């Protein structure tokens, strides 16, 4: 009776009030669902959630900028996110058969998938790898192209690792290793291509996992006439043991690029907070060297596992970027396979990374792809693997 009297007082307004109450209930339910999705993080992740907000894990990707090298004509790769997801579903059971289960200091799942997908898509007649370690990358290339020729340049032959544990030696791969090792930049590639009957260098894929200055490797590959390159460790600015494409293209004129060394800047405050959550996050003190030099690693161009480094000016760093743009037809960074609430990775900072293929909150999809069957440690090796297509300047 009281409700009836109240309804008579508000008259025609009561349907609108009911609609408002309904929307309020929906909003509460929606927020409670979001909290459940994020809760897989555990206690530590709750602190992350309280810092970033309920939706922070979703919107956090790329919030500190993702500098993307500019190509000559604005081209991009042919494949789509749908192609990548289809490939991911196919690759998971392949990855589970890998001979090296614990590939510490080598490629994890994300980059293994990226290399396999790129090789399978391009279908090269010859694959060259510079840096093989225990042979995991050789195995990945072989799964992608069972009948293609592989040349492996690596200081230590993978068979040497067999004495201490799992390794992979491909019976149909030609190894330039041990006493026969030749650095990529010293090979007479014209003679090698003749020997293997390769007449179209567009049918060659070169994979670098040798921790060398990527600008140097880019120029060597360009000189040899190769067009399709993959760099495994494309380190972010302020990190890594060699000068990378990501570092080179981290410029003020590029969207998401450039940095401020001002201690009270917004970037400094954000980086300080993020350092608490992500192992590879870099704060301003780590990012900036003498004279507020933030490019490369504290103003240095590192090379050869950081056994060699050279201080460079910002002007030189800028010119390096312009050169890369002059030869770049396509630049594409592999996105992470899945968000950190799914993979439980704690190393790379999502704020410097593009949106993953499987976004946070999509646990059902993550599970259907078979990714829950993998150890969480295999997701900790993401360093912005990059695919390039290059050609001579002016072409």
Protein backbone atom coordinates (compact mmCIF):
# COMPACT_ATOMS: atom_id res chain seq x y z
CA UNK A 1 0.00 0.00 0.00
CA UNK A 2 2.88 2.35 0.84
CA UNK A 3 4.50 1.58 -2.51
CA UNK A 4 1.21 2.31 -4.29
CA UNK A 5 0.88 5.68 -2.51
CA UNK A 6 4.47 6.59 -3.46
CA UNK A 7 3.83 5.64 -7.08
CA UNK A 8 0.74 7.86 -7.14
CA UNK A 9 2.84 10.77 -5.90
CA UNK A 10 5.56 10.49 -8.55
CA UNK A 11 3.05 9.69 -11.28
CA UNK A 12 4.52 9.40 -14.79
CA UNK A 13 8.15 9.46 -13.45
CA UNK A 14 8.13 5.94 -12.00
CA UNK A 15 9.04 4.08 -15.26
CA UNK A 16 12.18 6.24 -15.53
CA UNK A 17 13.13 5.48 -11.92
CA UNK A 18 12.74 1.75 -12.55
CA UNK A 19 14.98 2.05 -15.63
CA UNK A 20 17.60 3.89 -13.54
CA UNK A 21 17.56 1.14 -10.87
CA UNK A 22 17.90 -1.54 -13.57
CA UNK A 23 20.95 0.19 -15.08
CA UNK A 24 22.48 0.52 -11.62
CA UNK A 25 22.14 -3.24 -11.00
CA UNK A 26 23.70 -4.04 -14.38
CA UNK A 27 26.63 -1.74 -13.62
CA UNK A 28 27.30 -3.43 -10.27
CA UNK A 29 27.17 -6.91 -11.81
CA UNK A 30 29.50 -5.83 -14.64
CA UNK A 31 32.09 -4.47 -12.20
CA UNK A 32 31.92 -7.59 -10.08
CA UNK A 33 32.65 -9.69 -13.18
CA UNK A 34 35.70 -7.59 -13.96
CA UNK A 35 37.02 -8.10 -10.46
CA UNK A 36 36.67 -11.86 -10.80
CA UNK A 37 38.61 -11.83 -14.09
CA UNK A 38 41.54 -9.95 -12.59
CA UNK A 39 41.63 -11.93 -9.35
CA UNK A 40 43.71 -14.71 -10.99
CA UNK A 41 46.68 -12.46 -10.34
CA UNK A 42 46.70 -13.31 -6.63
CA UNK A 43 47.76 -11.03 -3.78
CA UNK A 44 50.50 -9.24 -5.73
CA UNK A 45 48.15 -8.65 -8.61
CA UNK A 46 45.55 -7.13 -6.33
CA UNK A 47 48.07 -4.36 -5.59
CA UNK A 48 48.50 -3.94 -9.32
CA UNK A 49 44.73 -3.67 -9.73
CA UNK A 50 44.45 -1.09 -6.96
CA UNK A 51 47.11 1.02 -8.67
CA UNK A 52 45.89 0.76 -12.25
CA UNK A 53 42.17 0.60 -11.48
CA UNK A 54 39.70 -2.17 -12.27
CA UNK A 55 40.08 -1.72 -16.04
CA UNK A 56 43.77 -0.77 -15.85
CA UNK A 57 45.03 -4.15 -16.99
CA UNK A 58 43.06 -3.85 -20.20
CA UNK A 59 43.87 -0.25 -21.06
CA UNK A 60 47.41 -0.30 -19.68
CA UNK A 61 49.07 -1.60 -22.85
CA UNK A 62 51.00 1.10 -24.70
CA UNK A 63 50.25 3.79 -22.12
CA UNK A 64 53.91 4.93 -22.08
CA UNK A 65 54.17 4.83 -25.86
CA UNK A 66 55.11 2.17 -28.42
CA UNK A 67 57.55 3.77 -30.92
CA UNK A 68 57.02 2.12 -34.30
CA UNK A 69 59.62 2.50 -37.06
CA UNK A 70 58.18 4.30 -40.09
CA UNK A 71 58.39 2.58 -43.47
CA UNK A 72 59.07 4.30 -46.78
CA UNK A 73 55.61 3.85 -48.26
CA UNK A 74 53.47 3.10 -45.22
CA UNK A 75 53.16 -0.61 -46.00
CA UNK A 76 52.42 -3.22 -43.36
CA UNK A 77 52.31 -7.01 -43.19
CA UNK A 78 49.79 -9.07 -45.13
CA UNK A 79 48.63 -11.18 -42.19
CA UNK A 80 45.88 -10.17 -39.77
CA UNK A 81 45.07 -10.79 -36.11
CA UNK A 82 42.73 -13.55 -37.25
CA UNK A 83 45.60 -15.24 -39.09
CA UNK A 84 47.77 -14.99 -35.98
CA UNK A 85 45.10 -16.50 -33.72
CA UNK A 86 44.53 -19.38 -36.15
CA UNK A 87 48.28 -19.96 -36.26
CA UNK A 88 48.48 -19.81 -32.48
CA UNK A 89 45.93 -22.59 -32.12
CA UNK A 90 47.96 -24.73 -34.53
CA UNK A 91 51.31 -23.97 -32.92
CA UNK A 92 50.52 -24.82 -29.28
CA UNK A 93 50.55 -28.63 -29.78
CA UNK A 94 53.69 -28.31 -31.93
CA UNK A 95 55.44 -26.36 -29.18
CA UNK A 96 54.56 -29.03 -26.65
CA UNK A 97 56.76 -31.49 -28.60
CA UNK A 98 59.86 -29.26 -28.40
CA UNK A 99 63.05 -31.17 -27.50
CA UNK A 100 64.32 -28.42 -25.15
CA UNK A 101 61.63 -28.01 -22.50
CA UNK A 102 63.54 -25.52 -20.36
CA UNK A 103 65.15 -23.11 -22.82
CA UNK A 104 66.56 -20.75 -20.20
CA UNK A 105 68.36 -17.76 -21.76
CA UNK A 106 66.80 -18.71 -25.09
CA UNK A 107 63.48 -18.05 -26.81
CA UNK A 108 60.26 -18.52 -24.91
CA UNK A 109 56.81 -19.25 -26.28
CA UNK A 110 55.92 -15.81 -27.68
CA UNK A 111 58.97 -15.50 -29.92
CA UNK A 112 58.94 -19.18 -30.86
CA UNK A 113 55.42 -18.69 -32.17
CA UNK A 114 56.39 -15.47 -33.95
CA UNK A 115 59.34 -17.05 -35.77
CA UNK A 116 57.32 -20.13 -36.71
CA UNK A 117 54.42 -18.04 -37.99
CA UNK A 118 56.59 -15.68 -40.07
CA UNK A 119 58.60 -18.52 -41.61
CA UNK A 120 55.48 -20.49 -42.45
CA UNK A 121 53.79 -17.45 -43.96
CA UNK A 122 56.75 -16.41 -46.14
CA UNK A 123 57.66 -19.99 -47.15
CA UNK A 124 61.33 -19.22 -47.93
CA UNK A 125 63.58 -21.55 -49.91
CA UNK A 126 66.48 -20.81 -47.57
CA UNK A 127 66.53 -19.80 -43.90
CA UNK A 128 69.64 -18.34 -42.30
CA UNK A 129 70.03 -18.01 -38.55
CA UNK A 130 72.78 -16.05 -36.85
CA UNK A 131 73.00 -17.38 -33.30
CA UNK A 132 71.55 -20.82 -32.51
CA UNK A 133 72.51 -21.46 -28.85
CA UNK A 134 71.16 -24.97 -28.06
CA UNK A 135 69.27 -25.24 -31.34
CA UNK A 136 65.72 -24.32 -30.29
CA UNK A 137 65.33 -21.70 -33.04
CA UNK A 138 66.61 -24.24 -35.61
CA UNK A 139 63.93 -26.63 -34.42
CA UNK A 140 61.25 -23.92 -34.73
CA UNK A 141 62.33 -23.10 -38.29
CA UNK A 142 62.25 -26.79 -39.19
CA UNK A 143 58.69 -27.16 -37.86
CA UNK A 144 57.61 -24.25 -40.03
CA UNK A 145 59.40 -25.44 -43.19
CA UNK A 146 60.19 -29.18 -43.08
CA UNK A 147 61.90 -29.26 -46.48
CA UNK A 148 63.63 -25.87 -46.68
CA UNK A 149 67.39 -25.44 -46.43
CA UNK A 150 68.78 -23.99 -43.21
CA UNK A 151 72.17 -22.36 -42.65
CA UNK A 152 73.17 -21.80 -39.04
CA UNK A 153 75.98 -19.46 -38.01
CA UNK A 154 76.81 -19.87 -34.34
CA UNK A 155 80.12 -19.74 -32.43
CA UNK A 156 79.46 -22.96 -30.51
CA UNK A 157 77.90 -25.98 -32.21
CA UNK A 158 74.59 -27.02 -30.56
CA UNK A 159 75.87 -30.59 -30.29
CA UNK A 160 78.28 -29.39 -27.58
CA UNK A 161 75.31 -28.74 -25.30
CA UNK A 162 74.11 -32.34 -25.64
CA UNK A 163 76.76 -33.38 -23.11
CA UNK A 164 74.99 -31.41 -20.36
CA UNK A 165 71.34 -31.67 -21.33
CA UNK A 166 68.76 -31.35 -24.11
CA UNK A 167 69.74 -29.68 -27.39
CA UNK A 168 68.69 -29.92 -31.04
CA UNK A 169 70.92 -30.69 -34.01
CA UNK A 170 69.20 -30.66 -37.40
CA UNK A 171 70.52 -33.38 -39.74
CA UNK A 172 69.69 -31.30 -42.83
CA UNK A 173 71.11 -28.00 -41.57
CA UNK A 174 74.51 -26.67 -42.65
CA UNK A 175 76.36 -25.39 -39.59
CA UNK A 176 79.04 -22.72 -39.66
CA UNK A 177 79.99 -23.39 -36.04
CA UNK A 178 82.96 -24.09 -33.82
CA UNK A 179 86.15 -24.06 -35.91
CA UNK A 180 84.04 -23.40 -39.02
CA UNK A 181 82.27 -20.40 -37.56
CA UNK A 182 82.04 -17.28 -39.74
CA UNK A 183 80.38 -14.08 -38.60
CA UNK A 184 77.37 -13.07 -40.66
CA UNK A 185 79.11 -9.91 -41.83
CA UNK A 186 82.16 -11.82 -43.10
CA UNK A 187 80.36 -14.43 -45.23
CA UNK A 188 80.71 -14.29 -49.04
CA UNK A 189 76.96 -14.50 -49.51
CA UNK A 190 77.08 -14.33 -53.29
CA UNK A 191 79.10 -17.57 -53.38
CA UNK A 192 76.89 -19.21 -50.77
CA UNK A 193 73.73 -18.37 -52.72
CA UNK A 194 75.23 -19.88 -55.88
CA UNK A 195 76.20 -23.02 -53.97
CA UNK A 196 72.63 -23.51 -52.76
CA UNK A 197 71.00 -22.55 -56.04
CA UNK A 198 69.30 -19.43 -54.70
CA UNK A 199 68.69 -16.90 -57.48
CA UNK A 200 65.93 -14.86 -55.86
CA UNK A 201 67.03 -13.32 -52.54
CA UNK A 202 63.41 -12.48 -51.86
CA UNK A 203 63.06 -16.19 -51.11
CA UNK A 204 65.49 -16.01 -48.17
CA UNK A 205 64.62 -15.36 -44.51
CA UNK A 206 67.36 -14.22 -42.13
CA UNK A 207 66.89 -14.64 -38.38
CA UNK A 208 69.16 -12.78 -35.95
CA UNK A 209 69.50 -13.91 -32.35
CA UNK A 210 73.16 -13.01 -31.92
CA UNK A 211 72.94 -9.94 -29.66
CA UNK A 212 74.78 -7.71 -32.11
CA UNK A 213 74.13 -4.07 -32.97
CA UNK A 214 71.01 -4.34 -35.13
CA UNK A 215 71.93 -1.29 -37.19
CA UNK A 216 75.17 -3.07 -38.13
CA UNK A 217 73.31 -6.27 -39.01
CA UNK A 218 70.73 -4.33 -41.02
CA UNK A 219 73.47 -2.73 -43.14
CA UNK A 220 75.21 -6.08 -43.66
CA UNK A 221 71.97 -7.76 -44.74
CA UNK A 222 71.17 -4.85 -47.06
CA UNK A 223 74.62 -5.10 -48.66
CA UNK A 224 74.13 -8.84 -49.24
CA UNK A 225 70.75 -8.18 -50.88
CA UNK A 226 68.55 -9.93 -48.32
CA UNK A 227 65.08 -8.49 -47.84
CA UNK A 228 63.32 -10.44 -45.09
CA UNK A 229 64.80 -10.14 -41.59
CA UNK A 230 63.69 -11.10 -38.09
CA UNK A 231 65.40 -9.77 -34.96
CA UNK A 232 64.63 -11.79 -31.86
CA UNK A 233 65.75 -9.37 -29.15
CA UNK A 234 64.35 -5.99 -30.13
CA UNK A 235 65.11 -4.38 -26.78
CA UNK A 236 63.28 -1.31 -25.53
CA UNK A 237 65.14 1.93 -24.81
CA UNK A 238 67.24 1.73 -21.67
CA UNK A 239 67.44 -2.08 -21.71
CA UNK A 240 69.39 -4.86 -23.37
CA UNK A 241 72.93 -5.63 -24.45
CA UNK A 242 72.83 -4.26 -28.00
CA UNK A 243 71.48 -1.32 -30.04
CA UNK A 244 68.06 -2.37 -31.34
CA UNK A 245 65.56 -1.25 -33.97
CA UNK A 246 63.13 -0.30 -31.19
CA UNK A 247 65.79 1.93 -29.63
CA UNK A 248 66.73 3.46 -32.99
CA UNK A 249 63.13 4.41 -33.76
CA UNK A 250 62.45 5.82 -30.31
CA UNK A 251 62.39 9.44 -31.52
CA UNK A 252 60.42 12.55 -30.59
CA UNK A 253 58.95 12.85 -34.08
CA UNK A 254 57.55 9.30 -33.93
CA UNK A 255 54.30 8.69 -32.10
CA UNK A 256 55.04 7.15 -28.71
CA UNK A 257 58.73 8.03 -28.92
CA UNK A 258 61.12 10.35 -27.08
CA UNK A 259 61.60 10.81 -23.35
CA UNK A 260 62.01 13.43 -20.64
CA UNK A 261 64.72 13.15 -17.99
CA UNK A 262 63.02 15.74 -15.78
CA UNK A 263 62.70 14.13 -12.33
CA UNK A 264 59.27 15.67 -11.62
CA UNK A 265 57.71 14.86 -14.98
CA UNK A 266 54.62 12.70 -15.39
CA UNK A 267 56.73 10.07 -17.14
CA UNK A 268 59.16 9.94 -14.20
CA UNK A 269 56.35 9.46 -11.68
CA UNK A 270 54.66 6.75 -13.75
CA UNK A 271 57.93 4.89 -14.35
CA UNK A 272 58.77 4.94 -10.64
CA UNK A 273 55.46 3.28 -9.79
CA UNK A 274 55.71 0.73 -12.59
CA UNK A 275 59.16 -0.31 -11.46
CA UNK A 276 57.50 -1.95 -8.44
CA UNK A 277 55.43 -4.27 -10.62
CA UNK A 278 57.49 -5.19 -13.70
CA UNK A 279 61.05 -6.54 -13.62
CA UNK A 280 62.08 -4.96 -16.93
CA UNK A 281 60.47 -1.58 -16.25
CA UNK A 282 63.01 1.25 -16.26
CA UNK A 283 62.77 4.32 -14.07
CA UNK A 284 64.15 7.73 -15.01
CA UNK A 285 67.43 7.24 -13.16
CA UNK A 286 68.09 4.06 -15.14
CA UNK A 287 66.83 5.52 -18.41
CA UNK A 288 68.90 8.71 -18.38
CA UNK A 289 72.68 8.89 -18.47
CA UNK A 290 75.11 11.82 -18.27
CA UNK A 291 73.83 14.99 -19.92
CA UNK A 292 70.24 13.63 -19.88
CA UNK A 293 71.12 11.12 -22.62
CA UNK A 294 68.20 8.67 -22.74
CA UNK A 295 68.63 7.17 -26.25
CA UNK A 296 69.99 3.67 -26.74
CA UNK A 297 71.02 2.69 -23.22
CA UNK A 298 71.87 5.87 -21.32
CA UNK A 299 73.26 7.45 -24.49
CA UNK A 300 75.27 4.40 -25.53
CA UNK A 301 75.10 2.22 -28.64
CA UNK A 302 75.76 -1.24 -27.24
CA UNK A 303 77.11 -4.16 -29.25
CA UNK A 304 78.28 -7.78 -28.93
CA UNK A 305 76.51 -8.79 -25.70
CA UNK A 306 77.52 -5.40 -24.27
CA UNK A 307 81.21 -6.32 -24.59
CA UNK A 308 81.46 -3.21 -26.72
CA UNK A 309 79.63 0.08 -26.33
CA UNK A 310 80.01 3.54 -27.76
CA UNK A 311 78.59 6.84 -26.58
CA UNK A 312 76.64 8.54 -29.36
CA UNK A 313 75.11 11.99 -29.64
CA UNK A 314 71.42 12.52 -30.13
CA UNK A 315 72.22 13.88 -33.61
CA UNK A 316 73.85 10.55 -34.54
CA UNK A 317 70.96 8.63 -32.99
CA UNK A 318 68.54 10.74 -35.05
CA UNK A 319 70.46 10.08 -38.28
CA UNK A 320 70.41 6.35 -37.56
CA UNK A 321 66.63 6.51 -37.45
CA UNK A 322 66.44 8.40 -40.73
CA UNK A 323 68.67 5.82 -42.40
CA UNK A 324 66.50 2.95 -41.16
CA UNK A 325 63.41 4.68 -42.54
CA UNK A 326 65.11 5.07 -45.93
CA UNK A 327 65.49 1.29 -46.36
CA UNK A 328 62.40 0.08 -44.53
CA UNK A 329 59.49 -1.31 -46.53
CA UNK A 330 57.73 -3.06 -43.63
CA UNK A 331 58.21 -2.93 -39.85
CA UNK A 332 56.12 -5.20 -37.61
CA UNK A 333 56.57 -6.03 -33.94
CA UNK A 334 55.11 -9.30 -32.72
CA UNK A 335 52.47 -8.58 -30.05
CA UNK A 336 52.54 -10.59 -26.82
CA UNK A 337 50.55 -13.80 -27.08
CA UNK A 338 48.37 -12.97 -24.06
CA UNK A 339 47.92 -10.46 -21.26
CA UNK A 340 49.81 -10.83 -17.96
CA UNK A 341 46.75 -11.79 -15.92
CA UNK A 342 46.59 -14.90 -18.12
CA UNK A 343 50.27 -15.73 -18.56
CA UNK A 344 51.35 -14.49 -15.11
CA UNK A 345 54.45 -12.94 -16.66
CA UNK A 346 56.09 -10.28 -14.52
CA UNK A 347 59.02 -9.13 -16.69
CA UNK A 348 58.09 -6.84 -19.59
CA UNK A 349 56.16 -3.64 -18.88
CA UNK A 350 52.80 -3.61 -20.74
CA UNK A 351 52.96 0.19 -20.88
CA UNK A 352 55.64 -0.10 -23.62
CA UNK A 353 53.94 -2.91 -25.52
CA UNK A 354 51.06 -3.16 -27.98
CA UNK A 355 47.81 -4.98 -27.13
CA UNK A 356 48.25 -8.78 -26.88
CA UNK A 357 46.58 -11.30 -29.17
CA UNK A 358 44.54 -12.69 -26.27
CA UNK A 359 43.57 -9.83 -23.99
CA UNK A 360 43.28 -9.97 -20.22
CA UNK A 361 39.93 -11.32 -19.04
CA UNK A 362 39.56 -13.84 -21.89
CA UNK A 363 40.54 -16.87 -19.84
CA UNK A 364 38.09 -19.18 -21.62
CA UNK A 365 39.66 -18.38 -24.99
CA UNK A 366 43.15 -18.67 -23.50
CA UNK A 367 42.21 -22.11 -22.22
CA UNK A 368 40.62 -23.25 -25.51
CA UNK A 369 43.85 -22.41 -27.34
CA UNK A 370 45.65 -24.84 -25.05
CA UNK A 371 47.84 -22.15 -23.48
CA UNK A 372 46.94 -23.18 -19.92
CA UNK A 373 48.83 -26.44 -20.52
CA UNK A 374 52.14 -24.56 -20.77
CA UNK A 375 54.40 -23.65 -17.86
CA UNK A 376 54.10 -19.97 -16.94
CA UNK A 377 57.88 -19.54 -17.25
CA UNK A 378 57.72 -19.87 -21.06
CA UNK A 379 55.89 -16.52 -21.27
CA UNK A 380 58.64 -14.50 -19.58
CA UNK A 381 60.92 -13.97 -22.60
CA UNK A 382 59.07 -11.34 -24.63
CA UNK A 383 61.32 -8.56 -26.03
CA UNK A 384 59.37 -7.12 -28.99
CA UNK A 385 60.56 -9.53 -31.71
CA UNK A 386 60.45 -7.64 -35.01
CA UNK A 387 60.04 -8.55 -38.67
CA UNK A 388 61.50 -6.25 -41.35
CA UNK A 389 61.24 -6.11 -45.09
CA UNK A 390 63.99 -3.91 -46.51
CA UNK A 391 65.24 -2.58 -49.86
CA UNK A 392 67.78 -0.11 -51.13
CA UNK A 393 67.09 3.62 -50.49
CA UNK A 394 64.95 5.18 -53.21
CA UNK A 395 63.48 1.88 -54.37
